[in-house]
Protein backbone atom coordinates (compact mmCIF):
# COMPACT_ATOMS: atom_id res chain seq x y z
CA MET A 1 75.19 256.20 166.23
CA ALA A 2 76.40 258.82 168.79
CA ALA A 3 80.15 258.07 170.20
CA ALA A 4 80.34 254.91 172.38
CA ILE A 5 80.67 255.42 176.12
CA THR A 6 82.76 253.63 178.45
CA ARG A 7 81.39 251.39 180.85
CA SER A 8 83.07 253.26 183.82
CA ARG A 9 81.91 256.51 182.08
CA ARG A 10 78.09 255.31 182.08
CA ALA A 11 78.55 254.26 186.10
CA THR A 12 79.75 258.02 186.88
CA ILE A 13 76.89 259.22 184.65
CA LYS A 14 74.16 257.43 186.68
CA LYS A 15 75.45 258.78 190.16
CA GLU A 16 76.10 262.28 189.32
CA ALA A 17 72.62 262.29 187.98
CA ALA A 18 71.27 260.54 191.06
CA GLY A 19 72.97 263.68 192.58
CA ILE A 20 71.52 266.20 190.80
CA ARG A 21 68.10 264.58 191.03
CA MET A 22 68.64 264.57 194.86
CA ARG A 23 69.35 268.61 194.70
CA CYS A 24 66.40 269.26 192.47
CA GLN A 25 64.56 267.67 194.83
CA ARG A 26 65.77 269.74 197.62
CA GLU A 27 65.02 272.98 195.43
CA ARG A 28 61.16 271.41 194.73
CA LEU A 29 62.03 271.09 190.82
CA ASP A 30 59.69 269.69 188.53
CA THR A 31 60.27 266.14 186.57
CA GLU A 32 61.38 268.40 183.33
CA GLN A 33 63.20 270.96 185.46
CA THR A 34 65.22 268.00 187.08
CA ALA A 35 66.02 266.72 183.17
CA ALA A 36 67.45 269.78 182.01
CA ALA A 37 69.77 270.22 185.02
CA ILE A 38 70.67 266.47 184.21
CA ARG A 39 71.66 267.49 180.55
CA ARG A 40 72.97 270.47 181.25
CA ALA A 41 75.75 268.83 183.87
CA LEU A 42 75.78 265.79 181.33
CA PRO A 43 75.66 266.99 177.64
CA GLU A 44 76.12 263.13 176.51
CA VAL A 45 72.40 262.41 177.83
CA GLN A 46 70.00 262.34 175.27
CA GLN A 47 66.34 263.50 176.08
CA LEU A 48 64.68 260.15 177.08
CA GLU A 49 67.52 259.01 179.00
CA ALA A 50 67.62 262.34 180.94
CA TRP A 51 64.03 261.96 182.03
CA ARG A 52 64.15 258.77 183.10
CA LEU A 53 67.30 259.47 185.25
CA ALA A 54 64.94 262.91 186.37
CA LEU A 55 62.70 260.35 187.89
CA GLY A 56 65.35 257.81 189.58
CA TRP A 57 63.88 254.73 187.30
CA SER A 58 65.87 252.14 186.00
CA ARG A 59 65.34 250.48 182.63
CA SER A 60 63.90 247.40 183.97
CA GLU A 61 61.13 250.35 186.25
CA THR A 62 60.22 251.51 182.60
CA ILE A 63 59.49 248.59 180.94
CA THR A 64 57.36 247.69 184.07
CA GLN A 65 55.37 250.91 184.13
CA VAL A 66 54.43 250.51 180.41
CA LYS A 67 53.54 246.70 180.96
CA ALA A 68 51.42 247.71 183.67
CA LEU A 69 50.02 250.53 181.55
CA TYR A 70 49.05 247.71 178.73
CA VAL A 71 47.51 245.38 181.14
CA ALA A 72 45.30 248.26 183.33
CA ASP A 73 43.93 248.69 179.45
CA GLY A 74 43.16 245.30 179.34
CA LEU A 75 45.42 244.83 176.18
CA LEU A 76 48.33 241.96 176.23
CA PRO A 77 51.83 243.88 176.55
CA ARG A 78 54.17 244.31 174.07
CA SER A 79 57.65 242.62 174.47
CA LEU A 80 59.30 246.21 175.47
CA SER A 81 62.88 245.02 176.75
CA ASP A 82 66.37 246.70 178.03
CA PRO A 83 68.10 246.91 174.80
CA MET A 84 65.27 248.54 172.70
CA LEU A 85 65.40 250.91 175.50
CA CYS A 86 69.05 251.55 175.65
CA ARG A 87 68.86 251.98 171.92
CA TRP A 88 66.35 254.49 171.57
CA GLU A 89 68.13 256.17 174.50
CA HIS A 90 71.35 256.47 172.79
CA ASP A 91 71.18 256.07 169.13
CA PRO A 92 69.86 259.41 167.49
CA GLY A 93 68.36 256.77 164.34
CA GLU A 94 66.84 254.49 166.28
CA ARG A 95 63.21 255.43 167.93
CA PRO A 96 59.93 254.38 169.12
CA ASP A 97 57.17 253.69 167.15
CA ARG A 98 54.01 255.64 167.92
CA GLU A 99 52.36 253.21 170.01
CA TYR A 100 55.27 253.15 171.78
CA THR A 101 55.85 256.39 172.09
CA VAL A 102 52.90 257.05 173.50
CA MET A 103 53.38 254.70 176.22
CA LEU A 104 56.41 256.04 177.24
CA CYS A 105 54.88 259.41 177.35
CA ARG A 106 51.96 258.10 179.78
CA ALA A 107 54.62 256.31 181.83
CA TYR A 108 56.61 259.17 182.05
CA GLY A 109 54.19 261.92 182.75
CA ALA A 110 55.57 263.76 179.73
CA THR A 111 55.03 265.01 175.88
CA ALA A 112 57.03 263.53 172.97
CA THR A 113 58.50 266.63 172.59
CA GLN A 114 59.97 267.05 176.69
CA LEU A 115 61.23 263.03 175.67
CA GLY A 116 63.06 264.11 172.30
CA LEU A 117 60.34 261.73 170.66
CA GLY A 118 58.64 264.20 168.37
CA HIS A 119 57.95 263.19 165.15
CA PRO A 120 58.12 265.28 161.74
CA GLU A 121 54.08 266.36 161.33
CA GLN A 122 54.45 267.46 165.09
CA VAL A 123 57.41 270.02 164.02
CA LEU A 124 55.74 271.14 161.09
CA THR A 125 52.35 271.41 162.54
CA GLY A 126 52.99 272.18 166.09
CA HIS A 127 50.40 269.69 167.77
CA GLU A 128 51.53 266.94 170.11
CA LEU A 129 51.27 263.60 168.09
CA SER A 130 48.07 261.13 169.05
CA THR A 131 47.99 257.55 167.62
CA VAL A 132 45.49 254.50 168.27
CA ILE A 133 46.93 252.09 170.57
CA ARG A 134 46.11 248.29 169.26
CA TYR A 135 42.31 246.83 169.01
CA GLY A 136 41.33 250.34 168.18
CA ARG A 137 41.59 251.85 171.56
CA PRO A 138 42.34 256.04 171.11
CA GLU A 139 45.09 257.23 173.04
CA THR A 140 47.13 260.63 173.43
CA ASP A 141 50.54 261.04 174.36
CA THR A 142 49.99 264.58 176.16
CA CYS A 143 49.84 264.60 179.99
CA HIS A 144 49.27 267.35 182.01
CA ALA A 145 52.83 268.95 183.38
CA GLY A 146 53.69 268.18 186.59
CA ALA A 147 51.14 265.41 186.60
CA ARG A 148 53.46 262.87 187.46
CA GLU A 149 54.47 264.88 191.01
CA MET A 150 50.63 264.74 191.86
CA VAL A 151 50.22 261.28 191.53
CA VAL A 152 51.62 258.95 194.99
CA GLN A 153 51.36 255.52 194.58
CA MET A 154 51.36 252.44 197.01
CA THR A 155 54.49 250.56 196.57
CA THR A 156 56.86 247.72 197.72
CA ALA A 157 58.97 250.13 199.09
CA ALA A 158 56.44 252.09 200.94
CA GLY A 159 53.43 249.41 202.24
CA LEU A 160 55.81 246.19 203.44
CA PRO A 161 58.36 248.50 205.89
CA ALA A 162 55.28 250.18 207.15
CA VAL A 163 53.97 247.21 208.32
CA ARG A 164 56.82 246.32 210.38
CA GLU A 165 57.45 249.76 211.69
CA SER A 166 54.12 249.84 213.21
CA LEU A 167 54.72 246.58 214.84
CA HIS A 168 58.21 248.24 216.01
CA LEU A 169 56.29 251.14 217.19
CA ALA A 170 53.87 249.11 219.57
CA LEU A 171 56.89 247.32 220.52
CA LEU A 172 58.25 250.25 222.06
CA ALA A 173 54.88 251.33 223.85
CA ASP A 174 54.85 247.60 225.59
CA PRO A 175 58.64 246.72 225.14
CA HIS A 176 56.93 243.06 227.31
CA GLY A 177 54.32 242.95 224.68
CA SER A 178 50.68 243.09 225.39
CA SER A 179 46.94 242.33 223.82
CA ALA A 180 47.56 245.40 221.28
CA VAL A 181 51.06 243.88 220.39
CA THR A 182 49.54 240.52 219.61
CA GLU A 183 46.71 242.11 217.94
CA LEU A 184 49.04 243.98 216.12
CA ALA A 185 51.27 240.94 215.17
CA ASP A 186 48.17 239.31 214.02
CA ALA A 187 47.61 241.75 211.61
CA ALA A 188 51.01 241.86 210.32
CA VAL A 189 50.99 238.41 209.45
CA GLU A 190 47.49 238.31 208.08
CA HIS A 191 49.01 241.57 206.02
CA TYR A 192 52.13 239.39 204.10
CA ALA A 193 49.82 236.37 203.73
CA LEU A 194 47.46 238.12 201.58
CA SER A 195 50.15 240.14 199.71
CA TYR A 196 52.17 237.32 199.25
CA SER A 197 51.89 237.32 195.68
CA LYS A 198 52.24 241.06 195.04
CA HIS A 199 55.94 241.52 196.02
CA PRO A 200 59.24 239.76 194.83
CA ALA A 201 60.09 237.27 197.22
CA TYR A 202 63.12 238.50 198.04
CA LEU A 203 61.75 241.75 199.45
CA LEU A 204 58.99 240.02 201.33
CA PHE A 205 61.04 237.63 202.92
CA GLU A 206 63.66 240.57 204.37
CA GLU A 207 60.47 242.49 205.94
CA VAL A 208 58.79 239.03 207.17
CA ARG A 209 62.37 238.25 208.83
CA ALA A 210 62.47 241.65 210.53
CA ALA A 211 58.69 241.26 212.01
CA ARG A 212 60.06 237.73 213.34
CA ARG A 213 63.04 239.25 214.75
CA LEU A 214 60.60 241.88 216.66
CA LEU A 215 58.64 239.17 218.20
CA THR A 216 61.51 237.49 219.28
CA ASP A 217 63.92 240.24 220.60
CA CYS A 218 60.44 241.07 223.02
CA LEU A 219 60.11 237.22 223.71
CA VAL A 220 63.55 236.96 224.72
CA THR A 221 63.39 239.68 227.76
CA GLY A 222 61.54 237.02 229.60
CA ARG A 223 59.24 239.29 231.21
CA VAL A 224 56.50 238.89 228.65
CA THR A 225 53.29 237.42 230.33
CA ALA A 226 51.94 233.64 229.42
CA PRO A 227 49.00 234.74 227.62
CA VAL A 228 50.76 236.87 225.39
CA ALA A 229 53.89 235.05 225.15
CA GLN A 230 51.50 232.14 223.58
CA ASP A 231 49.96 234.10 221.25
CA LEU A 232 53.68 235.70 220.16
CA HIS A 233 54.73 232.22 219.88
CA ARG A 234 51.82 231.29 217.56
CA ASN A 235 52.91 234.66 215.58
CA VAL A 236 56.59 233.32 215.09
CA GLY A 237 55.39 230.11 213.97
CA TRP A 238 53.11 231.56 211.26
CA LEU A 239 56.14 234.17 210.28
CA SER A 240 58.08 231.02 209.77
CA ALA A 241 55.95 229.36 207.72
CA LEU A 242 56.14 232.32 205.48
CA LEU A 243 59.73 232.29 205.45
CA GLY A 244 59.92 228.61 204.47
CA ASN A 245 57.50 229.20 201.95
CA LEU A 246 59.65 232.27 200.40
CA ALA A 247 62.70 230.31 201.00
CA HIS A 248 61.28 227.65 198.57
CA HIS A 249 60.43 230.09 195.96
CA LEU A 250 63.82 231.79 196.38
CA ASP A 251 65.28 228.01 195.21
CA ASP A 252 66.57 227.92 198.69
CA ASN A 253 65.28 224.85 200.09
CA THR A 254 67.76 224.04 202.79
CA GLY A 255 66.92 227.24 204.11
CA ALA A 256 63.36 225.95 203.64
CA ARG A 257 63.49 223.16 205.79
CA ALA A 258 64.79 224.96 208.68
CA HIS A 259 62.08 227.46 208.60
CA LEU A 260 59.29 224.74 208.10
CA ALA A 261 61.01 223.09 210.98
CA THR A 262 60.40 225.53 213.22
CA ALA A 263 57.06 226.69 212.00
CA THR A 264 55.86 223.14 212.80
CA ALA A 265 57.54 222.88 216.43
CA TYR A 266 55.40 226.36 217.35
CA GLY A 267 52.76 225.35 216.06
CA THR A 268 52.81 222.10 218.48
CA ARG A 269 53.76 224.04 221.58
CA THR A 270 50.90 226.51 220.97
CA ASP A 271 48.58 223.87 220.09
CA ASP A 272 47.86 225.62 216.50
CA ALA A 273 46.54 222.08 214.68
CA ARG A 274 46.28 224.64 211.41
CA LEU A 275 49.41 226.02 211.80
CA THR A 276 50.95 222.58 212.63
CA ALA A 277 49.20 220.98 209.42
CA TRP A 278 50.07 223.96 206.94
CA SER A 279 53.76 223.56 208.03
CA LEU A 280 53.98 219.66 207.22
CA GLY A 281 52.27 220.23 203.75
CA ALA A 282 54.65 222.85 202.60
CA GLN A 283 57.50 220.47 204.19
CA SER A 284 56.02 217.82 201.97
CA MET A 285 56.11 220.42 199.11
CA VAL A 286 59.58 220.91 199.32
CA ALA A 287 60.49 217.45 199.71
CA ARG A 288 58.96 216.69 196.44
CA ALA A 289 60.79 219.50 194.92
CA GLU A 290 64.04 217.39 196.16
CA ASN A 291 62.44 214.32 194.66
CA ARG A 292 62.09 212.83 197.89
CA TYR A 293 58.52 211.48 197.53
CA GLU A 294 58.70 208.81 200.28
CA ASN A 295 59.12 211.85 202.28
CA ALA A 296 56.71 213.80 200.78
CA LEU A 297 53.78 211.34 201.20
CA ALA A 298 55.06 210.64 205.39
CA TYR A 299 54.80 214.17 205.73
CA ALA A 300 51.64 214.47 203.95
CA GLU A 301 49.84 212.29 205.99
CA ARG A 302 51.04 213.82 209.16
CA ALA A 303 49.40 217.02 208.01
CA VAL A 304 46.00 215.65 206.94
CA THR A 305 46.21 213.92 210.81
CA HIS A 306 46.72 217.48 212.00
CA ALA A 307 44.28 219.49 209.80
CA PRO A 308 41.11 220.99 211.50
CA ALA A 309 38.07 219.83 209.10
CA GLY A 310 36.98 221.66 206.06
CA LEU A 311 39.13 223.59 204.21
CA PRO A 312 42.32 223.10 206.17
CA ARG A 313 41.98 219.31 205.47
CA ALA A 314 41.12 219.73 201.81
CA GLN A 315 44.23 221.63 201.45
CA ALA A 316 46.48 218.95 203.27
CA HIS A 317 44.47 216.24 201.11
CA ALA A 318 45.14 217.92 197.60
CA TRP A 319 48.33 220.17 197.99
CA ALA A 320 50.12 217.29 199.97
CA GLU A 321 48.39 213.74 199.65
CA LEU A 322 47.52 214.34 195.87
CA THR A 323 50.56 215.37 194.86
CA SER A 324 53.10 212.90 196.41
CA LEU A 325 50.77 209.81 195.31
CA ALA A 326 50.73 210.93 192.27
CA GLY A 327 55.03 211.59 192.26
CA LEU A 328 54.85 207.91 193.48
CA GLY A 329 52.60 206.66 190.47
CA ARG A 330 49.81 205.42 193.15
CA GLU A 331 47.15 206.63 190.69
CA ARG A 332 43.67 205.08 192.18
CA GLU A 333 45.22 206.40 195.77
CA ALA A 334 45.38 209.65 194.38
CA ASP A 335 42.08 209.92 193.00
CA THR A 336 41.02 208.94 196.48
CA ALA A 337 43.08 211.91 197.84
CA LEU A 338 41.39 214.38 195.22
CA ALA A 339 38.08 213.01 196.23
CA ALA A 340 38.31 213.44 199.95
CA ALA A 341 39.42 217.24 199.26
CA GLY A 342 36.48 217.67 197.82
CA ARG A 343 34.63 216.25 200.17
CA GLU A 344 36.47 218.67 202.78
CA LEU A 345 36.11 221.28 200.66
CA GLU A 346 31.95 220.75 200.09
CA ALA A 347 31.39 220.36 203.80
CA ASP A 348 32.96 223.58 204.44
CA PRO A 349 30.73 226.42 204.68
CA ASN A 350 32.96 229.29 203.83
CA GLY A 351 34.34 227.39 200.62
CA PHE A 352 37.84 228.87 199.62
CA ALA A 353 39.03 231.45 201.76
CA ALA A 354 41.38 233.83 200.90
CA GLY A 355 45.35 234.28 201.67
CA ARG A 356 48.42 232.43 201.35
CA PHE A 357 47.09 230.18 204.33
CA GLY A 358 44.19 229.54 202.21
CA PHE A 359 43.34 227.85 199.28
CA ASP A 360 41.89 228.93 196.35
CA ALA A 361 40.06 227.32 193.13
CA ALA A 362 43.07 228.52 191.29
CA GLU A 363 45.48 226.49 193.20
CA TYR A 364 43.34 223.44 193.55
CA THR A 365 42.50 223.46 189.84
CA LEU A 366 46.11 223.88 189.21
CA LEU A 367 46.86 221.04 191.52
CA GLN A 368 44.89 218.88 189.62
CA ALA A 369 45.87 220.25 186.19
CA GLU A 370 49.61 218.82 187.66
CA THR A 371 48.53 215.85 188.89
CA ALA A 372 46.84 214.72 185.88
CA ILE A 373 50.20 215.60 183.92
CA VAL A 374 51.88 213.35 185.90
CA LEU A 375 49.83 210.57 185.55
CA GLY A 376 49.66 211.08 181.81
CA ARG A 377 46.07 212.82 181.48
CA HIS A 378 46.97 215.10 179.23
CA GLU A 379 43.30 216.25 178.21
CA GLN A 380 42.28 216.41 181.38
CA ALA A 381 45.44 218.50 182.33
CA ARG A 382 44.48 220.99 179.46
CA SER A 383 40.92 221.55 180.88
CA THR A 384 41.77 222.00 184.34
CA ALA A 385 44.92 224.33 183.93
CA GLU A 386 42.31 226.46 181.81
CA ALA A 387 39.93 226.57 184.74
CA SER A 388 42.54 227.64 186.58
CA ILE A 389 44.10 230.14 184.64
CA ALA A 390 40.40 231.63 183.76
CA VAL A 391 40.09 232.56 188.00
CA THR A 392 43.54 234.23 188.07
CA SER A 393 44.81 237.76 187.25
CA PRO A 394 47.31 238.04 184.43
CA ALA A 395 51.08 238.34 184.77
CA THR A 396 50.57 237.20 188.69
CA PRO A 397 52.56 233.93 190.16
CA GLY A 398 49.72 231.76 190.04
CA TRP A 399 48.70 232.83 186.21
CA ALA A 400 52.19 232.05 185.28
CA ALA A 401 52.50 228.62 186.90
CA ALA A 402 48.83 227.43 185.56
CA THR A 403 50.04 228.83 182.06
CA LEU A 404 53.10 227.07 182.10
CA VAL A 405 51.31 223.58 183.70
CA LEU A 406 48.67 224.21 180.33
CA ALA A 407 52.06 224.46 177.87
CA GLN A 408 53.22 221.05 179.26
CA ALA A 409 49.69 219.32 178.40
CA GLU A 410 49.94 221.29 175.35
CA ALA A 411 54.00 220.28 174.54
CA PRO A 412 52.97 216.40 173.46
CA THR A 413 50.44 217.47 170.13
CA GLN A 414 50.93 221.56 170.00
CA PRO A 415 54.37 221.83 170.39
CA GLY A 416 54.61 225.59 169.07
CA ASP A 417 51.37 226.39 171.10
CA ALA A 418 52.67 225.14 173.91
CA ALA A 419 56.38 227.35 173.49
CA HIS A 420 54.37 230.69 172.80
CA ARG A 421 52.55 230.26 175.92
CA ALA A 422 56.07 229.89 178.09
CA LEU A 423 57.35 232.57 175.96
CA ASP A 424 54.45 234.83 176.90
CA VAL A 425 54.95 234.24 180.83
CA LEU A 426 58.88 235.25 180.05
CA ASP A 427 57.49 238.26 178.51
CA ARG A 428 55.05 239.19 181.11
CA VAL A 429 56.90 238.19 184.49
CA PRO A 430 60.22 239.83 185.41
CA ALA A 431 62.57 237.36 186.42
CA ALA A 432 62.24 238.51 190.17
CA ARG A 433 58.79 237.40 190.22
CA LEU A 434 59.16 233.87 188.38
CA ARG A 435 59.24 231.38 191.61
CA SER A 436 61.68 228.60 191.81
CA SER A 437 58.61 226.15 191.19
CA SER A 438 57.59 228.27 187.65
CA ARG A 439 61.13 227.89 186.81
CA VAL A 440 60.81 224.13 187.38
CA ARG A 441 57.88 223.80 185.12
CA LEU A 442 59.65 226.11 182.25
CA ALA A 443 62.53 223.73 182.68
CA ARG A 444 60.71 220.71 182.26
CA LEU A 445 58.48 222.57 179.31
CA ASP A 446 61.92 223.74 177.71
CA HIS A 447 63.36 219.46 178.09
CA ALA A 448 60.09 217.95 176.81
CA LEU A 449 60.55 220.46 173.12
CA VAL A 450 64.27 219.62 172.77
CA ASN A 451 64.38 218.62 169.00
CA VAL A 452 60.99 219.66 168.04
CA PRO A 453 60.74 221.60 164.84
CA ALA A 454 58.26 224.12 165.97
CA ALA A 455 57.69 227.78 165.92
CA GLY A 456 59.18 229.75 169.04
CA VAL A 457 60.95 226.62 170.50
CA GLU A 458 64.59 227.45 169.58
CA ASP A 459 63.66 231.19 170.76
CA LEU A 460 62.48 229.47 173.87
CA HIS A 461 65.70 227.65 174.50
CA GLU A 462 67.40 230.77 174.45
CA ARG A 463 65.03 232.64 176.88
CA VAL A 464 65.95 229.48 179.43
CA ARG A 465 69.57 230.01 178.91
CA ALA A 466 69.38 233.31 179.60
CA LEU A 467 66.69 233.79 182.45
CA ALA A 468 68.57 235.26 185.57
CA PRO A 469 68.74 233.59 188.36
CA LEU A 470 66.85 234.36 191.75
CA ILE A 471 69.79 234.32 193.69
CA ASP A 472 73.17 234.66 191.94
CA ASN A 473 76.54 233.07 192.97
CA HIS A 474 77.32 236.37 195.43
CA GLY A 475 74.20 235.91 196.56
CA ASN A 476 72.21 238.75 195.57
CA ALA A 477 68.87 238.19 194.41
CA SER A 478 67.33 239.30 191.05
CA THR A 479 65.89 242.46 190.72
């Protein structure tokens, strides 16, 4: 074991390495040259850590990249953790196995030798290590030098601010608004809605808020023409609806109520029935999260009244009315609401619409499953939760929600399976992306498995207790 490095020295190393990386970028040095420069200046840094610091990645970013490689290969990611990576970086006696070595090399765009992970047979033969990834997929850990520098990824840091910047530029050209500005605002709302599940909620919240502020600044000039003002008010309403939904998923229900009330007011002001109905449905969701089921039902009934026929009304019936009635134990009326949602969907020629403001098959079956659990219909809950999982992408928020609902349905009869499903969610979904709604499902499952002697249950209890909050006591978001 290498000599322990104090926390203050570790912070200094991180800061100095960042400065070296910036200097190397200015000098157009590649990752290997940057890693070498870091090691020359900071001799206590080993090769594996130096390469990560040269890329500017945190350990959590490395873990995310490795897991993404498994998913891209159609494989279930192994449970790589921060402590494991820390040991590999700092303890010469600790090394990743062959498979992890391959995946780290692929993630970093390096060879095992460059990362200081060359195995003994490599030293003897002079050849890079090859191995076989699980399920028989052959891979190699070699990567052409400089390959990482040639790849430019579309990231949260680039994609989200770019939309807001385009809106800002349009407003600089037309500071009092125009049809071009309203078209761009429409596009921004659509982008945020369609990208809702692709980004951590706290990042998306900041971008949506910034976009709304740009439109607000335009409106308060008092020089916007009436038709343009009408469209901008509608955009402000939809952006407020997004903020309300995001606040709820960040476990800020008081903030969610404020944003959603604003969205409802702007929906009414602009005669946008769908905005009004959706915002009322979201208010019903927040009320249910606070166990205010009578209030939730009142919002749901208003949402159904305002919702246009077809998919919007189906969403109001299923998302708001069905779940509120189930929470109140009004089983027959809940069944009636579900049937009404089904009729509206069948009558809509466009079927399920894409996007956060629409409704999709995964959400529809998820709501059925969750309602079935509340009403004690566990077999029905299992089949509908499985149907929801089947039409979601692994490790997405929708997949996490459906998987946890299935685990809840399995808990009474198959507690071990239920615990392992929940552990799989915790392994595959970073804490920052685990929404408050899924955390509630996780807490309910954890409570249901208290004192149940089944494999994985104790591990689940520990993982739930250790789960980082979405927003800590200092107001900082999990990242």
